[in-house]
Protein backbone atom coordinates (compact mmCIF):
# COMPACT_ATOMS: atom_id res chain seq x y z
CA MET A 1 -93.74 -55.15 -15.37
CA SER A 2 -96.65 -56.04 -17.57
CA LEU A 3 -98.44 -53.11 -19.19
CA THR A 4 -102.13 -52.71 -18.41
CA ASP A 5 -104.65 -49.99 -19.28
CA LEU A 6 -104.74 -48.86 -15.67
CA LEU A 7 -100.95 -48.66 -15.45
CA ILE A 8 -100.72 -46.69 -18.72
CA LYS A 9 -103.36 -44.21 -17.51
CA LYS A 10 -101.37 -43.61 -14.31
CA LEU A 11 -97.99 -43.00 -16.01
CA LYS A 12 -96.75 -39.51 -15.26
CA PRO A 13 -94.85 -37.42 -17.83
CA PRO A 14 -91.13 -37.00 -17.16
CA GLU A 15 -89.71 -33.58 -16.27
CA VAL A 16 -87.77 -33.46 -19.57
CA GLY A 17 -87.62 -35.56 -22.74
CA GLN A 18 -89.32 -38.94 -22.95
CA LYS A 19 -89.41 -42.11 -20.93
CA THR A 20 -90.21 -45.56 -22.32
CA TYR A 21 -91.85 -48.25 -20.19
CA PHE A 22 -91.33 -51.70 -21.66
CA ASP A 23 -93.78 -54.55 -21.33
CA GLY A 24 -92.77 -57.72 -19.53
CA ARG A 25 -95.01 -59.90 -21.71
CA GLN A 26 -93.99 -58.85 -25.21
CA ARG A 27 -90.31 -58.28 -26.00
CA GLY A 28 -89.49 -54.82 -27.41
CA PHE A 29 -93.04 -53.54 -26.93
CA GLY A 30 -93.67 -50.54 -24.71
CA VAL A 31 -95.23 -47.16 -24.23
CA ARG A 32 -93.24 -43.94 -24.53
CA VAL A 33 -94.40 -40.99 -22.44
CA SER A 34 -93.29 -37.49 -23.45
CA MET A 35 -92.92 -34.53 -21.15
CA GLY A 36 -96.05 -33.09 -22.79
CA GLY A 37 -98.03 -36.09 -21.59
CA ALA A 38 -98.42 -37.87 -24.95
CA LYS A 39 -98.34 -41.66 -24.65
CA THR A 40 -97.23 -43.53 -27.76
CA PHE A 41 -96.95 -47.29 -28.20
CA VAL A 42 -93.56 -48.29 -29.60
CA LEU A 43 -91.83 -51.44 -30.75
CA VAL A 44 -88.04 -51.78 -30.72
CA GLU A 45 -86.82 -54.60 -32.94
CA GLY A 46 -83.70 -56.02 -34.48
CA LYS A 47 -79.99 -55.63 -33.82
CA GLY A 48 -80.14 -52.00 -34.91
CA ARG A 49 -82.92 -51.44 -32.34
CA LYS A 50 -85.22 -49.96 -34.97
CA ILE A 51 -88.07 -48.06 -33.31
CA HIS A 52 -91.57 -48.37 -34.75
CA SER A 53 -94.19 -45.88 -33.61
CA LEU A 54 -97.44 -47.86 -33.46
CA GLY A 55 -99.90 -45.13 -32.46
CA ARG A 56 -101.02 -42.98 -29.58
CA TYR A 57 -102.86 -44.02 -26.48
CA PRO A 58 -105.90 -43.87 -25.96
CA GLU A 59 -106.79 -43.64 -29.70
CA LEU A 60 -105.01 -46.98 -30.06
CA THR A 61 -105.90 -49.41 -27.29
CA LEU A 62 -103.36 -51.62 -25.55
CA LEU A 63 -104.88 -54.72 -27.18
CA GLU A 64 -104.73 -53.14 -30.67
CA ALA A 65 -101.15 -51.98 -30.07
CA ARG A 66 -100.06 -55.51 -29.04
CA LYS A 67 -101.66 -56.89 -32.21
CA LYS A 68 -99.99 -54.24 -34.36
CA ALA A 69 -96.61 -54.97 -32.74
CA LYS A 70 -96.98 -58.68 -33.60
CA GLU A 71 -97.81 -57.77 -37.21
CA VAL A 72 -94.72 -55.54 -37.48
CA LEU A 73 -92.52 -58.29 -36.06
CA GLY A 74 -94.09 -60.79 -38.46
CA GLN A 75 -93.33 -58.52 -41.40
CA ALA A 76 -89.73 -58.09 -40.23
CA VAL A 77 -89.27 -61.87 -39.99
CA ALA A 78 -90.82 -62.33 -43.44
CA GLY A 79 -88.48 -59.67 -44.84
CA LYS A 80 -91.28 -57.33 -45.85
CA THR A 81 -89.72 -54.25 -44.29
CA GLU A 82 -87.37 -53.65 -47.22
CA PRO A 83 -88.01 -50.33 -48.95
CA SER A 84 -90.26 -50.52 -51.97
CA ALA A 85 -88.55 -49.49 -55.19
CA THR A 86 -91.97 -48.80 -56.74
CA LEU A 87 -93.37 -46.44 -54.10
CA LEU A 88 -94.22 -43.05 -55.59
CA PHE A 89 -93.34 -40.00 -53.54
CA SER A 90 -97.04 -39.08 -53.38
CA GLU A 91 -97.79 -42.52 -51.87
CA LEU A 92 -94.96 -42.15 -49.37
CA ARG A 93 -96.27 -38.70 -48.44
CA GLU A 94 -99.76 -40.12 -47.83
CA LEU A 95 -98.35 -42.88 -45.59
CA PHE A 96 -96.51 -40.21 -43.63
CA PHE A 97 -99.70 -38.14 -43.32
CA GLU A 98 -101.61 -41.16 -41.93
CA ASP A 99 -98.97 -41.67 -39.24
CA SER A 100 -98.62 -37.95 -38.59
CA ARG A 101 -102.38 -37.65 -38.03
CA MET A 102 -102.10 -40.15 -35.15
CA ARG A 103 -98.87 -38.97 -33.50
CA THR A 104 -98.77 -35.18 -33.82
CA LYS A 105 -100.92 -32.26 -32.79
CA PRO A 106 -103.61 -31.35 -35.34
CA SER A 107 -101.90 -28.00 -36.07
CA THR A 108 -98.54 -29.72 -36.72
CA HIS A 109 -100.18 -32.30 -38.96
CA ALA A 110 -102.00 -29.57 -40.91
CA GLU A 111 -98.71 -27.70 -41.39
CA TYR A 112 -96.98 -30.86 -42.69
CA VAL A 113 -99.84 -31.40 -45.14
CA ARG A 114 -99.75 -27.79 -46.33
CA LEU A 115 -95.96 -27.61 -46.78
CA LEU A 116 -95.39 -31.04 -48.28
CA ASN A 117 -98.30 -30.80 -50.73
CA LYS A 118 -97.46 -27.27 -51.86
CA HIS A 119 -93.67 -27.33 -52.08
CA PHE A 120 -92.84 -31.01 -52.66
CA ALA A 121 -95.30 -32.21 -55.30
CA TYR A 122 -93.01 -34.78 -56.92
CA SER A 123 -94.55 -37.24 -59.36
CA LYS A 124 -91.65 -39.70 -59.37
CA LEU A 125 -90.51 -42.67 -57.32
CA ALA A 126 -89.56 -41.87 -53.75
CA GLN A 127 -86.20 -43.66 -54.15
CA SER A 128 -85.32 -41.40 -57.10
CA ILE A 129 -85.71 -38.12 -55.16
CA THR A 130 -82.27 -36.57 -54.75
CA ARG A 131 -80.87 -34.03 -52.33
CA ALA A 132 -80.66 -31.66 -55.29
CA ASP A 133 -84.44 -32.03 -55.84
CA ILE A 134 -85.10 -31.20 -52.21
CA MET A 135 -82.71 -28.26 -52.10
CA GLU A 136 -84.23 -26.86 -55.30
CA ALA A 137 -87.68 -26.83 -53.65
CA VAL A 138 -86.35 -25.42 -50.38
CA THR A 139 -84.31 -22.64 -52.00
CA ALA A 140 -87.29 -21.66 -54.17
CA VAL A 141 -88.74 -19.99 -51.06
CA ARG A 142 -85.44 -18.43 -49.95
CA GLU A 143 -86.94 -14.91 -49.91
CA HIS A 144 -88.96 -16.09 -46.89
CA PRO A 145 -86.36 -17.50 -44.45
CA SER A 146 -88.93 -18.78 -41.98
CA LEU A 147 -90.85 -20.62 -44.71
CA GLU A 148 -87.57 -22.01 -46.05
CA GLN A 149 -86.74 -23.43 -42.62
CA HIS A 150 -90.24 -24.88 -42.14
CA CYS A 151 -90.11 -26.55 -45.56
CA PHE A 152 -86.73 -28.07 -44.80
CA VAL A 153 -87.90 -29.39 -41.42
CA ALA A 154 -91.07 -30.89 -42.95
CA ILE A 155 -89.25 -32.76 -45.73
CA ARG A 156 -86.49 -33.90 -43.35
CA THR A 157 -89.13 -35.20 -40.93
CA LEU A 158 -90.86 -37.09 -43.75
CA PHE A 159 -87.66 -38.77 -44.95
CA ASN A 160 -86.45 -39.61 -41.43
CA TRP A 161 -89.86 -41.18 -40.79
CA ALA A 162 -89.62 -43.10 -44.09
CA VAL A 163 -86.21 -44.51 -43.18
CA ARG A 164 -87.37 -45.53 -39.67
CA HIS A 165 -90.44 -47.25 -41.08
CA GLY A 166 -88.58 -49.08 -43.84
CA HIS A 167 -90.03 -47.14 -46.77
CA HIS A 168 -86.78 -45.47 -47.86
CA MET A 169 -83.11 -46.39 -47.85
CA GLY A 170 -81.72 -43.02 -46.78
CA SER A 171 -78.22 -42.31 -48.12
CA PRO A 172 -77.08 -44.71 -50.84
CA PRO A 173 -74.83 -47.53 -49.60
CA PRO A 174 -71.21 -47.80 -50.81
CA PRO A 175 -70.56 -50.09 -53.81
CA ARG A 176 -70.28 -53.78 -52.93
CA ASP A 177 -66.71 -54.14 -54.18
CA ALA A 178 -65.42 -51.11 -52.20
CA LYS A 179 -63.08 -52.11 -49.36
């Protein structure tokens, strides 16, 4: 099946979860439809089947999404998807906000901005942020359990996004000589 604007417009949301419809013309490229009706262009690439969220339909057109998918694949082939060791946390946070603005509800995006700017104002490299740094910020609001939970979810969402998009390594790898 080849994706077209008309076909994407007609896609019905699934009863539960999400359903991805892949394009017959471009390998790994597709549109994911959530049960809420949101339609997001995605690209699945590599042996690890890394999923890239390209943007929401109709804000991002099918033609623009295809072009963006080719750019992402080109970067992967060129090896440009390795995490940057020089990316400041504030820069990583801004990249997350740009993507969040396109893929989440305005109220969710506003809440991410509020929580991450207020409680996680790190001025160091993103790769140097430790779990201890995060837990220190999260436990600082412990007297408000709901706020504590929301802060934790926001920072976890940011770092999961960063790992998926190649901006962060996640947990440190084992030493090379370990067997």
